[in-house]
Amino acid sequence: MTKNAADQPMLPYEKFLALGSCALTEAELIAIILRTGTRDCPALMTAQKVLALAGGREPGLNGLYHVSVKELMEIPGIGEVKAVKIKCLTELAMRMARERALRTRNFNHPDTVAEYYMERLRHEEKEVILLLLLDNKLNLIEEYMVSVGTVRASLLSSREVFIEALKHRASNLMLLHNHPSGDPRPSKQDIAITRKIKEAGELMDIPLIDHIILGDMCYVSLKEEALL
């Protein structure tokens, strides 16, 4: 018995147009991004293989963040263009999630700030210094990467800090960086540059409210340790 066209399941793109993105499975969403597969492996089946690969790294869609372009290209039907497209969309989704999380983060409590950034920076092999620009109610205005250093050291320019603070009309500042060694205890250099920026901030009426150093599932707030 021949099936009518109405009895055939809708393709992901058609389903999107008819029912909207919320009605699509994760595999169907990825299939639309891929557009095509191969003769033996259509786009939906290819998308399911992408999800299986990601699931081997981390449960759920977050595993896509840990899959490389090279690994994606090992799936039949996925060339460099499709692999790069998947990685770019993954990064875009992560940035959107980060932005939503940051807008609701309470920057008056070091533990909640550390919790968010610890997950984000835990895979970094070099020191990453972030400048958080806050308004007078301690809401985030902008996040700025001041520097990425070597494994042993990083550079922090107080001049660059205040150029960004003035550009974004920040009322308060917070510094945050990771220690790849896993030990968040501040070095003498960490304390010295923190105090230097604090003093400059007091002169410019843009106070540095904290400097948080992240380690392996732990952190040190220089404010809490009375080192600020």
N, C-alpha and C. Protein backbone atom coordinates (compact mmCIF):
# COMPACT_ATOMS: atom_id res chain seq x y z
N MET A 1 0.85 -1.20 0.00
CA MET A 1 0.00 0.00 0.00
C MET A 1 0.89 1.25 0.00
N THR A 2 0.62 2.13 -0.91
CA THR A 2 1.42 3.35 -1.02
C THR A 2 0.94 4.39 -0.03
N LYS A 3 1.86 4.97 0.67
CA LYS A 3 1.51 6.02 1.64
C LYS A 3 1.31 7.35 0.93
N ASN A 4 0.35 8.11 1.39
CA ASN A 4 0.15 9.46 0.88
C ASN A 4 1.23 10.38 1.40
N ALA A 5 1.43 11.49 0.73
CA ALA A 5 2.43 12.47 1.18
C ALA A 5 2.10 12.99 2.56
N ALA A 6 0.79 13.06 2.88
CA ALA A 6 0.37 13.56 4.18
C ALA A 6 0.76 12.62 5.30
N ASP A 7 0.96 11.32 4.94
CA ASP A 7 1.32 10.34 5.96
C ASP A 7 2.82 10.31 6.25
N GLN A 8 3.60 10.94 5.39
CA GLN A 8 5.04 10.95 5.55
C GLN A 8 5.44 11.92 6.67
N PRO A 9 6.41 11.53 7.50
CA PRO A 9 6.85 12.46 8.54
C PRO A 9 7.49 13.70 7.93
N MET A 10 7.28 14.83 8.57
CA MET A 10 7.84 16.08 8.06
C MET A 10 9.35 16.09 8.24
N LEU A 11 10.02 16.64 7.25
CA LEU A 11 11.46 16.86 7.37
C LEU A 11 11.69 17.97 8.41
N PRO A 12 12.87 17.98 9.02
CA PRO A 12 13.13 18.98 10.08
C PRO A 12 12.83 20.42 9.67
N TYR A 13 13.24 20.80 8.46
CA TYR A 13 13.01 22.19 8.01
C TYR A 13 11.52 22.48 7.88
N GLU A 14 10.78 21.52 7.31
CA GLU A 14 9.33 21.69 7.17
C GLU A 14 8.66 21.75 8.54
N LYS A 15 9.15 20.92 9.45
CA LYS A 15 8.60 20.89 10.81
C LYS A 15 8.84 22.22 11.51
N PHE A 16 10.01 22.79 11.27
CA PHE A 16 10.31 24.11 11.85
C PHE A 16 9.32 25.15 11.36
N LEU A 17 9.08 25.18 10.06
CA LEU A 17 8.17 26.17 9.48
C LEU A 17 6.74 25.98 9.97
N ALA A 18 6.35 24.72 10.16
CA ALA A 18 4.98 24.44 10.56
C ALA A 18 4.75 24.61 12.06
N LEU A 19 5.72 24.21 12.88
CA LEU A 19 5.50 24.15 14.32
C LEU A 19 6.44 25.02 15.15
N GLY A 20 7.49 25.54 14.53
CA GLY A 20 8.44 26.37 15.28
C GLY A 20 9.58 25.56 15.85
N SER A 21 10.62 26.25 16.28
CA SER A 21 11.85 25.58 16.74
C SER A 21 11.65 24.75 18.00
N CYS A 22 10.72 25.15 18.86
CA CYS A 22 10.50 24.43 20.12
C CYS A 22 10.00 23.01 19.89
N ALA A 23 9.40 22.75 18.74
CA ALA A 23 8.86 21.43 18.46
C ALA A 23 9.92 20.46 17.96
N LEU A 24 11.10 20.94 17.66
CA LEU A 24 12.15 20.11 17.08
C LEU A 24 13.00 19.45 18.16
N THR A 25 13.44 18.23 17.88
CA THR A 25 14.38 17.56 18.76
C THR A 25 15.76 18.16 18.54
N GLU A 26 16.69 17.82 19.41
CA GLU A 26 18.06 18.33 19.26
C GLU A 26 18.67 17.85 17.95
N ALA A 27 18.39 16.58 17.60
CA ALA A 27 18.92 16.04 16.35
C ALA A 27 18.33 16.77 15.15
N GLU A 28 17.06 17.11 15.22
CA GLU A 28 16.42 17.83 14.11
C GLU A 28 16.99 19.23 13.96
N LEU A 29 17.27 19.89 15.06
CA LEU A 29 17.87 21.22 14.99
C LEU A 29 19.24 21.17 14.32
N ILE A 30 20.05 20.18 14.71
CA ILE A 30 21.37 20.04 14.11
C ILE A 30 21.25 19.66 12.64
N ALA A 31 20.25 18.84 12.30
CA ALA A 31 20.06 18.44 10.91
C ALA A 31 19.78 19.64 10.02
N ILE A 32 19.04 20.61 10.54
CA ILE A 32 18.77 21.83 9.75
C ILE A 32 20.07 22.60 9.52
N ILE A 33 20.92 22.64 10.53
CA ILE A 33 22.21 23.31 10.39
C ILE A 33 23.07 22.61 9.33
N LEU A 34 23.05 21.26 9.34
CA LEU A 34 23.85 20.49 8.39
C LEU A 34 23.30 20.57 6.97
N ARG A 35 21.98 20.65 6.86
CA ARG A 35 21.25 20.74 5.58
C ARG A 35 21.26 19.42 4.81
N THR A 36 22.42 18.83 4.63
CA THR A 36 22.51 17.59 3.85
C THR A 36 23.39 16.58 4.58
N GLY A 37 23.21 15.32 4.22
CA GLY A 37 24.06 14.25 4.72
C GLY A 37 24.74 13.57 3.55
N THR A 38 24.67 12.24 3.52
CA THR A 38 25.19 11.47 2.40
C THR A 38 24.07 10.57 1.89
N ARG A 39 24.34 9.84 0.83
CA ARG A 39 23.32 8.95 0.26
C ARG A 39 22.88 7.90 1.29
N ASP A 40 23.85 7.38 2.03
CA ASP A 40 23.55 6.34 3.01
C ASP A 40 23.26 6.87 4.40
N CYS A 41 23.50 8.14 4.59
CA CYS A 41 23.32 8.72 5.93
C CYS A 41 22.73 10.12 5.79
N PRO A 42 21.41 10.24 5.79
CA PRO A 42 20.78 11.55 5.64
C PRO A 42 21.11 12.48 6.79
N ALA A 43 20.73 13.75 6.64
CA ALA A 43 21.12 14.78 7.60
C ALA A 43 20.70 14.44 9.03
N LEU A 44 19.50 13.89 9.20
CA LEU A 44 19.02 13.59 10.55
C LEU A 44 19.85 12.50 11.20
N MET A 45 20.22 11.51 10.44
CA MET A 45 21.05 10.43 10.97
C MET A 45 22.46 10.95 11.28
N THR A 46 22.95 11.82 10.42
CA THR A 46 24.26 12.43 10.67
C THR A 46 24.23 13.25 11.95
N ALA A 47 23.14 13.98 12.16
CA ALA A 47 22.98 14.78 13.37
C ALA A 47 22.97 13.91 14.62
N GLN A 48 22.35 12.74 14.52
CA GLN A 48 22.32 11.81 15.65
C GLN A 48 23.72 11.31 15.98
N LYS A 49 24.55 11.15 14.95
CA LYS A 49 25.94 10.74 15.18
C LYS A 49 26.73 11.86 15.85
N VAL A 50 26.43 13.10 15.49
CA VAL A 50 27.07 14.25 16.14
C VAL A 50 26.73 14.27 17.63
N LEU A 51 25.46 14.04 17.95
CA LEU A 51 25.03 14.03 19.35
C LEU A 51 25.65 12.87 20.11
N ALA A 52 25.79 11.72 19.46
CA ALA A 52 26.42 10.56 20.11
C ALA A 52 27.88 10.86 20.44
N LEU A 53 28.57 11.53 19.50
CA LEU A 53 29.96 11.91 19.73
C LEU A 53 30.07 12.88 20.90
N ALA A 54 29.17 13.87 20.92
CA ALA A 54 29.18 14.86 22.00
C ALA A 54 28.86 14.21 23.34
N GLY A 55 27.91 13.27 23.33
CA GLY A 55 27.51 12.60 24.57
C GLY A 55 28.62 11.77 25.19
N GLY A 56 29.59 11.40 24.37
CA GLY A 56 30.74 10.66 24.90
C GLY A 56 31.69 11.53 25.68
N ARG A 57 31.56 12.84 25.56
CA ARG A 57 32.42 13.79 26.26
C ARG A 57 31.76 14.35 27.51
N GLU A 58 30.49 14.69 27.38
CA GLU A 58 29.75 15.27 28.49
C GLU A 58 28.26 15.10 28.19
N PRO A 59 27.46 14.69 29.18
CA PRO A 59 26.04 14.47 28.92
C PRO A 59 25.36 15.72 28.35
N GLY A 60 24.46 15.49 27.40
CA GLY A 60 23.71 16.61 26.85
C GLY A 60 24.47 17.36 25.78
N LEU A 61 23.91 18.48 25.38
CA LEU A 61 24.50 19.29 24.30
C LEU A 61 25.82 19.92 24.67
N ASN A 62 26.10 20.06 25.98
CA ASN A 62 27.35 20.70 26.39
C ASN A 62 28.57 19.92 25.89
N GLY A 63 28.39 18.65 25.58
CA GLY A 63 29.50 17.87 25.07
C GLY A 63 30.02 18.38 23.74
N LEU A 64 29.17 19.08 22.98
CA LEU A 64 29.60 19.64 21.70
C LEU A 64 30.76 20.62 21.87
N TYR A 65 30.80 21.26 23.03
CA TYR A 65 31.85 22.26 23.28
C TYR A 65 33.23 21.60 23.34
N HIS A 66 33.26 20.31 23.68
CA HIS A 66 34.54 19.62 23.88
C HIS A 66 34.94 18.76 22.69
N VAL A 67 34.13 18.80 21.64
CA VAL A 67 34.44 18.03 20.43
C VAL A 67 35.16 18.95 19.44
N SER A 68 36.23 18.46 18.85
CA SER A 68 37.01 19.29 17.94
C SER A 68 36.47 19.24 16.51
N VAL A 69 36.91 20.19 15.71
CA VAL A 69 36.56 20.22 14.29
C VAL A 69 37.04 18.93 13.62
N LYS A 70 38.24 18.51 13.96
CA LYS A 70 38.80 17.29 13.37
C LYS A 70 37.94 16.08 13.68
N GLU A 71 37.47 15.98 14.91
CA GLU A 71 36.63 14.84 15.30
C GLU A 71 35.28 14.88 14.58
N LEU A 72 34.72 16.05 14.42
CA LEU A 72 33.45 16.17 13.70
C LEU A 72 33.61 15.74 12.24
N MET A 73 34.76 16.07 11.66
CA MET A 73 35.00 15.73 10.26
C MET A 73 35.18 14.24 10.03
N GLU A 74 35.36 13.49 11.09
CA GLU A 74 35.46 12.03 10.96
C GLU A 74 34.10 11.38 10.76
N ILE A 75 33.02 12.14 10.99
CA ILE A 75 31.67 11.63 10.75
C ILE A 75 31.35 11.76 9.26
N PRO A 76 30.93 10.70 8.61
CA PRO A 76 30.60 10.78 7.18
C PRO A 76 29.54 11.85 6.92
N GLY A 77 29.80 12.67 5.92
CA GLY A 77 28.86 13.72 5.57
C GLY A 77 29.19 15.06 6.18
N ILE A 78 30.20 15.10 7.06
CA ILE A 78 30.59 16.37 7.68
C ILE A 78 31.99 16.74 7.23
N GLY A 79 32.06 17.81 6.44
CA GLY A 79 33.35 18.34 6.02
C GLY A 79 33.75 19.50 6.91
N GLU A 80 34.78 20.20 6.50
CA GLU A 80 35.30 21.29 7.31
C GLU A 80 34.27 22.40 7.52
N VAL A 81 33.55 22.76 6.47
CA VAL A 81 32.57 23.85 6.57
C VAL A 81 31.49 23.53 7.58
N LYS A 82 30.93 22.33 7.52
CA LYS A 82 29.88 21.94 8.46
C LYS A 82 30.42 21.83 9.88
N ALA A 83 31.62 21.31 10.01
CA ALA A 83 32.22 21.17 11.34
C ALA A 83 32.45 22.54 11.99
N VAL A 84 32.98 23.47 11.20
CA VAL A 84 33.22 24.83 11.71
C VAL A 84 31.89 25.49 12.07
N LYS A 85 30.86 25.27 11.24
CA LYS A 85 29.55 25.86 11.51
C LYS A 85 28.99 25.36 12.84
N ILE A 86 29.13 24.05 13.09
CA ILE A 86 28.65 23.48 14.36
C ILE A 86 29.39 24.09 15.54
N LYS A 87 30.71 24.21 15.42
CA LYS A 87 31.51 24.77 16.51
C LYS A 87 31.17 26.24 16.76
N CYS A 88 30.94 26.99 15.69
CA CYS A 88 30.59 28.40 15.85
C CYS A 88 29.23 28.56 16.53
N LEU A 89 28.27 27.75 16.13
CA LEU A 89 26.96 27.82 16.76
C LEU A 89 27.00 27.38 18.21
N THR A 90 27.86 26.40 18.51
CA THR A 90 28.05 25.96 19.89
C THR A 90 28.61 27.10 20.73
N GLU A 91 29.61 27.78 20.20
CA GLU A 91 30.22 28.90 20.92
C GLU A 91 29.22 30.02 21.11
N LEU A 92 28.42 30.29 20.10
CA LEU A 92 27.41 31.34 20.20
C LEU A 92 26.40 31.00 21.30
N ALA A 93 25.96 29.74 21.34
CA ALA A 93 25.00 29.32 22.38
C ALA A 93 25.61 29.45 23.77
N MET A 94 26.89 29.10 23.90
CA MET A 94 27.56 29.21 25.20
C MET A 94 27.65 30.67 25.63
N ARG A 95 27.96 31.54 24.69
CA ARG A 95 28.08 32.96 25.03
C ARG A 95 26.73 33.56 25.43
N MET A 96 25.68 33.12 24.77
CA MET A 96 24.35 33.60 25.13
C MET A 96 23.98 33.14 26.54
N ALA A 97 24.31 31.89 26.85
CA ALA A 97 24.02 31.36 28.19
C ALA A 97 24.83 32.09 29.25
N ARG A 98 26.10 32.38 28.93
CA ARG A 98 26.95 33.12 29.88
C ARG A 98 26.40 34.51 30.14
N GLU A 99 25.96 35.16 29.07
CA GLU A 99 25.45 36.52 29.21
C GLU A 99 24.21 36.55 30.09
N ARG A 100 23.31 35.59 29.88
CA ARG A 100 22.11 35.52 30.73
C ARG A 100 22.48 35.27 32.18
N ALA A 101 23.44 34.36 32.40
CA ALA A 101 23.85 34.04 33.77
C ALA A 101 24.52 35.23 34.44
N LEU A 102 25.33 35.96 33.68
CA LEU A 102 26.05 37.10 34.25
C LEU A 102 25.12 38.23 34.63
N ARG A 103 24.07 38.43 33.83
CA ARG A 103 23.15 39.54 34.11
C ARG A 103 22.40 39.34 35.42
N THR A 104 22.28 38.10 35.86
CA THR A 104 21.56 37.82 37.11
C THR A 104 22.51 37.50 38.27
N ARG A 105 23.81 37.55 38.02
CA ARG A 105 24.79 37.21 39.05
C ARG A 105 24.93 38.35 40.05
N ASN A 106 25.03 38.01 41.33
CA ASN A 106 25.21 39.01 42.37
C ASN A 106 26.70 39.25 42.57
N PHE A 107 27.16 40.40 42.15
CA PHE A 107 28.60 40.70 42.22
C PHE A 107 29.01 41.24 43.58
N ASN A 108 28.10 41.21 44.52
CA ASN A 108 28.43 41.62 45.88
C ASN A 108 28.86 40.44 46.73
N HIS A 109 28.77 39.23 46.17
CA HIS A 109 29.12 38.02 46.91
C HIS A 109 30.18 37.23 46.14
N PRO A 110 31.40 37.17 46.65
CA PRO A 110 32.48 36.50 45.94
C PRO A 110 32.19 35.04 45.60
N ASP A 111 31.44 34.34 46.46
CA ASP A 111 31.20 32.92 46.21
C ASP A 111 30.39 32.69 44.94
N THR A 112 29.39 33.54 44.68
CA THR A 112 28.57 33.35 43.48
C THR A 112 29.34 33.73 42.22
N VAL A 113 30.19 34.74 42.33
CA VAL A 113 31.02 35.13 41.18
C VAL A 113 32.03 34.02 40.88
N ALA A 114 32.68 33.51 41.94
CA ALA A 114 33.68 32.45 41.77
C ALA A 114 33.05 31.19 41.20
N GLU A 115 31.85 30.87 41.64
CA GLU A 115 31.17 29.66 41.15
C GLU A 115 30.98 29.72 39.64
N TYR A 116 30.55 30.86 39.14
CA TYR A 116 30.33 30.99 37.71
C TYR A 116 31.64 30.90 36.92
N TYR A 117 32.63 31.67 37.31
CA TYR A 117 33.86 31.74 36.53
C TYR A 117 34.75 30.51 36.71
N MET A 118 34.60 29.80 37.82
CA MET A 118 35.39 28.59 38.03
C MET A 118 35.08 27.56 36.95
N GLU A 119 33.82 27.41 36.63
CA GLU A 119 33.42 26.46 35.59
C GLU A 119 33.94 26.92 34.24
N ARG A 120 33.91 28.19 34.02
CA ARG A 120 34.32 28.73 32.73
C ARG A 120 35.83 28.64 32.50
N LEU A 121 36.62 28.83 33.56
CA LEU A 121 38.07 28.92 33.40
C LEU A 121 38.81 27.65 33.81
N ARG A 122 38.08 26.61 34.20
CA ARG A 122 38.75 25.44 34.77
C ARG A 122 39.64 24.71 33.77
N HIS A 123 39.41 24.88 32.47
CA HIS A 123 40.22 24.18 31.48
C HIS A 123 41.39 25.02 30.96
N GLU A 124 41.51 26.26 31.42
CA GLU A 124 42.57 27.13 30.93
C GLU A 124 43.94 26.70 31.46
N GLU A 125 44.92 26.64 30.56
CA GLU A 125 46.27 26.26 30.96
C GLU A 125 47.15 27.48 31.22
N LYS A 126 46.64 28.64 30.88
CA LYS A 126 47.36 29.89 31.14
C LYS A 126 46.53 30.78 32.04
N GLU A 127 47.18 31.74 32.67
CA GLU A 127 46.45 32.69 33.49
C GLU A 127 45.64 33.63 32.60
N VAL A 128 44.38 33.77 32.93
CA VAL A 128 43.48 34.68 32.22
C VAL A 128 43.00 35.72 33.23
N ILE A 129 43.24 36.98 32.94
CA ILE A 129 42.81 38.05 33.83
C ILE A 129 41.61 38.76 33.23
N LEU A 130 40.51 38.78 33.98
CA LEU A 130 39.29 39.43 33.53
C LEU A 130 39.02 40.66 34.38
N LEU A 131 38.60 41.72 33.73
CA LEU A 131 38.16 42.94 34.39
C LEU A 131 36.64 43.00 34.27
N LEU A 132 35.96 43.05 35.40
CA LEU A 132 34.51 43.15 35.42
C LEU A 132 34.13 44.59 35.73
N LEU A 133 33.45 45.23 34.81
CA LEU A 133 33.05 46.62 34.95
C LEU A 133 31.61 46.66 35.46
N LEU A 134 31.40 47.30 36.59
CA LEU A 134 30.10 47.29 37.26
C LEU A 134 29.53 48.69 37.42
N ASP A 135 28.21 48.77 37.50
CA ASP A 135 27.57 50.07 37.74
C ASP A 135 27.50 50.33 39.24
N ASN A 136 26.81 51.40 39.64
CA ASN A 136 26.77 51.75 41.06
C ASN A 136 25.93 50.81 41.91
N LYS A 137 25.15 49.91 41.25
CA LYS A 137 24.38 48.90 41.97
C LYS A 137 25.03 47.52 41.86
N LEU A 138 26.26 47.51 41.38
CA LEU A 138 27.05 46.29 41.20
C LEU A 138 26.46 45.34 40.17
N ASN A 139 25.78 45.90 39.19
CA ASN A 139 25.34 45.13 38.03
C ASN A 139 26.43 45.16 36.97
N LEU A 140 26.57 44.07 36.25
CA LEU A 140 27.62 43.99 35.24
C LEU A 140 27.30 44.89 34.04
N ILE A 141 28.28 45.73 33.68
CA ILE A 141 28.18 46.54 32.47
C ILE A 141 28.89 45.82 31.33
N GLU A 142 30.10 45.38 31.61
CA GLU A 142 30.93 44.77 30.58
C GLU A 142 31.98 43.89 31.23
N GLU A 143 32.35 42.86 30.51
CA GLU A 143 33.46 41.99 30.93
C GLU A 143 34.58 42.16 29.91
N TYR A 144 35.80 42.38 30.39
CA TYR A 144 36.91 42.67 29.48
C TYR A 144 38.10 41.79 29.85
N MET A 145 38.66 41.10 28.86
CA MET A 145 39.85 40.29 29.10
C MET A 145 41.08 41.19 29.04
N VAL A 146 41.71 41.37 30.18
CA VAL A 146 42.86 42.26 30.25
C VAL A 146 44.09 41.61 29.66
N SER A 147 44.32 40.35 30.00
CA SER A 147 45.49 39.68 29.46
C SER A 147 45.38 38.17 29.61
N VAL A 148 46.14 37.48 28.77
CA VAL A 148 46.34 36.05 28.89
C VAL A 148 47.83 35.86 29.03
N GLY A 149 48.24 35.31 30.16
CA GLY A 149 49.67 35.21 30.43
C GLY A 149 50.22 33.83 30.17
N THR A 150 51.46 33.63 30.57
CA THR A 150 52.06 32.31 30.50
C THR A 150 51.53 31.49 31.66
N VAL A 151 51.96 30.25 31.74
CA VAL A 151 51.53 29.39 32.83
C VAL A 151 52.01 29.94 34.16
N ARG A 152 53.18 30.57 34.18
CA ARG A 152 53.76 31.03 35.44
C ARG A 152 53.45 32.47 35.79
N ALA A 153 53.15 33.26 34.81
CA ALA A 153 52.96 34.69 35.11
C ALA A 153 52.06 35.35 34.08
N SER A 154 51.54 36.48 34.44
CA SER A 154 50.72 37.25 33.50
C SER A 154 50.96 38.73 33.75
N LEU A 155 50.62 39.53 32.77
CA LEU A 155 50.84 40.96 32.88
C LEU A 155 49.51 41.67 33.04
N LEU A 156 49.49 42.66 33.90
CA LEU A 156 48.27 43.43 34.14
C LEU A 156 48.62 44.90 34.12
N SER A 157 48.07 45.61 33.15
CA SER A 157 48.34 47.03 33.01
C SER A 157 47.25 47.84 33.68
N SER A 158 47.61 48.60 34.72
CA SER A 158 46.62 49.43 35.39
C SER A 158 46.10 50.52 34.45
N ARG A 159 46.93 50.98 33.54
CA ARG A 159 46.50 51.98 32.56
C ARG A 159 45.37 51.42 31.70
N GLU A 160 45.54 50.18 31.25
CA GLU A 160 44.52 49.55 30.41
C GLU A 160 43.22 49.36 31.19
N VAL A 161 43.34 49.02 32.47
CA VAL A 161 42.16 48.82 33.32
C VAL A 161 41.30 50.08 33.34
N PHE A 162 41.93 51.23 33.55
CA PHE A 162 41.14 52.46 33.72
C PHE A 162 40.72 53.07 32.39
N ILE A 163 41.41 52.75 31.32
CA ILE A 163 40.93 53.15 30.00
C ILE A 163 39.58 52.48 29.74
N GLU A 164 39.49 51.19 30.05
CA GLU A 164 38.23 50.47 29.84
C GLU A 164 37.16 50.95 30.81
N ALA A 165 37.54 51.22 32.05
CA ALA A 165 36.58 51.67 33.05
C ALA A 165 35.95 53.00 32.64
N LEU A 166 36.76 53.91 32.16
CA LEU A 166 36.25 55.22 31.73
C LEU A 166 35.43 55.10 30.46
N LYS A 167 35.87 54.25 29.55
CA LYS A 167 35.16 54.08 28.28
C LYS A 167 33.73 53.58 28.51
N HIS A 168 33.58 52.69 29.49
CA HIS A 168 32.26 52.11 29.74
C HIS A 168 31.53 52.78 30.92
N ARG A 169 32.13 53.87 31.45
CA ARG A 169 31.52 54.63 32.54
C ARG A 169 31.19 53.75 33.74
N ALA A 170 32.13 52.91 34.09
CA ALA A 170 31.95 52.02 35.24
C ALA A 170 32.03 52.79 36.55
N SER A 171 31.24 52.35 37.52
CA SER A 171 31.29 52.95 38.85
C SER A 171 32.12 52.12 39.82
N ASN A 172 32.28 50.84 39.50
CA ASN A 172 33.04 49.92 40.34
C ASN A 172 33.79 48.92 39.46
N LEU A 173 34.86 48.38 40.01
CA LEU A 173 35.66 47.40 39.29
C LEU A 173 35.81 46.13 40.11
N MET A 174 35.98 45.01 39.41
CA MET A 174 36.35 43.76 40.05
C MET A 174 37.33 43.04 39.14
N LEU A 175 38.39 42.52 39.73
CA LEU A 175 39.36 41.73 38.97
C LEU A 175 39.16 40.26 39.30
N LEU A 176 39.44 39.42 38.33
CA LEU A 176 39.32 37.98 38.54
C LEU A 176 40.33 37.28 37.65
N HIS A 177 41.06 36.33 38.23
CA HIS A 177 41.93 35.54 37.38
C HIS A 177 42.13 34.14 37.97
N ASN A 178 42.59 33.24 37.12
CA ASN A 178 42.78 31.85 37.52
C ASN A 178 44.25 31.55 37.77
N HIS A 179 44.49 30.57 38.62
CA HIS A 179 45.83 30.00 38.81
C HIS A 179 45.80 28.59 38.25
N PRO A 180 46.41 28.35 37.09
CA PRO A 180 46.39 27.01 36.49
C PRO A 180 46.97 25.92 37.39
N SER A 181 47.78 26.29 38.36
CA SER A 181 48.35 25.31 39.29
C SER A 181 47.27 24.69 40.18
N GLY A 182 46.12 25.38 40.30
CA GLY A 182 45.05 24.90 41.17
C GLY A 182 45.08 25.50 42.56
N ASP A 183 46.16 26.19 42.88
CA ASP A 183 46.32 26.82 44.20
C ASP A 183 45.95 28.29 44.08
N PRO A 184 44.86 28.73 44.71
CA PRO A 184 44.42 30.11 44.53
C PRO A 184 45.10 31.13 45.44
N ARG A 185 46.04 30.69 46.28
CA ARG A 185 46.68 31.64 47.19
C ARG A 185 47.40 32.73 46.39
N PRO A 186 47.17 33.99 46.74
CA PRO A 186 47.76 35.09 45.97
C PRO A 186 49.27 35.17 46.14
N SER A 187 49.94 35.50 45.06
CA SER A 187 51.38 35.73 45.12
C SER A 187 51.63 37.16 45.57
N LYS A 188 52.88 37.48 45.86
CA LYS A 188 53.24 38.86 46.22
C LYS A 188 52.91 39.81 45.07
N GLN A 189 53.13 39.32 43.84
CA GLN A 189 52.82 40.14 42.66
C GLN A 189 51.32 40.40 42.57
N ASP A 190 50.49 39.37 42.86
CA ASP A 190 49.03 39.53 42.84
C ASP A 190 48.60 40.62 43.82
N ILE A 191 49.15 40.57 45.01
CA ILE A 191 48.78 41.54 46.05
C ILE A 191 49.25 42.94 45.68
N ALA A 192 50.47 43.03 45.15
CA ALA A 192 51.04 44.33 44.82
C ALA A 192 50.24 45.03 43.72
N ILE A 193 49.91 44.31 42.64
CA ILE A 193 49.19 44.95 41.54
C ILE A 193 47.76 45.27 41.95
N THR A 194 47.19 44.45 42.83
CA THR A 194 45.84 44.73 43.33
C THR A 194 45.81 46.03 44.10
N ARG A 195 46.77 46.21 44.98
CA ARG A 195 46.82 47.43 45.78
C ARG A 195 47.11 48.65 44.92
N LYS A 196 47.92 48.45 43.87
CA LYS A 196 48.22 49.55 42.96
C LYS A 196 46.96 50.02 42.24
N ILE A 197 46.16 49.08 41.78
CA ILE A 197 44.93 49.42 41.07
C ILE A 197 43.90 49.98 42.05
N LYS A 198 43.87 49.45 43.25
CA LYS A 198 42.96 49.98 44.26
C LYS A 198 43.25 51.45 44.55
N GLU A 199 44.54 51.78 44.73
CA GLU A 199 44.92 53.16 45.01
C GLU A 199 44.57 54.09 43.84
N ALA A 200 44.83 53.61 42.62
CA ALA A 200 44.49 54.42 41.45
C ALA A 200 42.97 54.61 41.35
N GLY A 201 42.22 53.56 41.68
CA GLY A 201 40.77 53.64 41.63
C GLY A 201 40.21 54.62 42.64
N GLU A 202 40.83 54.69 43.80
CA GLU A 202 40.38 55.64 44.82
C GLU A 202 40.59 57.08 44.35
N LEU A 203 41.69 57.33 43.65
CA LEU A 203 41.96 58.67 43.12
C LEU A 203 40.96 59.05 42.03
N MET A 204 40.53 58.05 41.27
CA MET A 204 39.63 58.32 40.15
C MET A 204 38.17 58.10 40.52
N ASP A 205 37.93 57.75 41.78
CA ASP A 205 36.57 57.51 42.27
C ASP A 205 35.90 56.35 41.52
N ILE A 206 36.70 55.35 41.20
CA ILE A 206 36.19 54.09 40.61
C ILE A 206 36.80 52.96 41.44
N PRO A 207 36.18 52.63 42.57
CA PRO A 207 36.79 51.68 43.49
C PRO A 207 36.90 50.25 42.95
N LEU A 208 37.98 49.60 43.34
CA LEU A 208 38.16 48.17 43.08
C LEU A 208 37.54 47.45 44.27
N ILE A 209 36.44 46.73 44.05
CA ILE A 209 35.72 46.14 45.18
C ILE A 209 36.24 44.76 45.55
N ASP A 210 36.95 44.09 44.64
CA ASP A 210 37.51 42.78 45.00
C ASP A 210 38.43 42.30 43.88
N HIS A 211 39.28 41.36 44.25
CA HIS A 211 40.09 40.62 43.29
C HIS A 211 39.97 39.16 43.69
N ILE A 212 39.35 38.37 42.84
CA ILE A 212 39.10 36.96 43.14
C ILE A 212 40.05 36.10 42.33
N ILE A 213 40.74 35.19 43.01
CA ILE A 213 41.66 34.27 42.35
C ILE A 213 41.08 32.87 42.42
N LEU A 214 40.99 32.22 41.27
CA LEU A 214 40.37 30.90 41.18
C LEU A 214 41.42 29.80 41.12
N GLY A 215 41.16 28.74 41.88
CA GLY A 215 42.01 27.57 41.83
C GLY A 215 41.19 26.37 41.38
N ASP A 216 41.59 25.19 41.81
CA ASP A 216 40.88 23.96 41.46
C ASP A 216 39.74 23.74 42.44
N MET A 217 38.54 24.17 42.04
CA MET A 217 37.33 24.06 42.85
C MET A 217 37.43 24.83 44.17
N CYS A 218 38.21 25.89 44.16
CA CYS A 218 38.33 26.75 45.34
C CYS A 218 38.74 28.14 44.87
N TYR A 219 38.66 29.10 45.76
CA TYR A 219 39.00 30.47 45.37
C TYR A 219 39.47 31.25 46.59
N VAL A 220 40.09 32.38 46.32
CA VAL A 220 40.46 33.33 47.36
C VAL A 220 39.97 34.70 46.95
N SER A 221 39.25 35.35 47.84
CA SER A 221 38.83 36.74 47.65
C SER A 221 39.78 37.60 48.45
N LEU A 222 40.49 38.50 47.77
CA LEU A 222 41.42 39.35 48.49
C LEU A 222 40.70 40.27 49.46
N LYS A 223 39.47 40.60 49.15
CA LYS A 223 38.66 41.41 50.07
C LYS A 223 38.35 40.64 51.35
N GLU A 224 37.92 39.39 51.19
CA GLU A 224 37.62 38.55 52.35
C GLU A 224 38.84 38.27 53.19
N GLU A 225 40.00 38.21 52.54
CA GLU A 225 41.26 37.94 53.26
C GLU A 225 41.91 39.22 53.78
N ALA A 226 41.20 40.34 53.64
CA ALA A 226 41.71 41.64 54.09
C ALA A 226 43.05 41.99 53.44
N LEU A 227 43.20 41.62 52.19
CA LEU A 227 44.42 41.91 51.44
C LEU A 227 44.19 43.00 50.40
N LEU A 228 42.98 43.53 50.37
CA LEU A 228 42.62 44.55 49.39
C LEU A 228 42.74 45.92 49.99
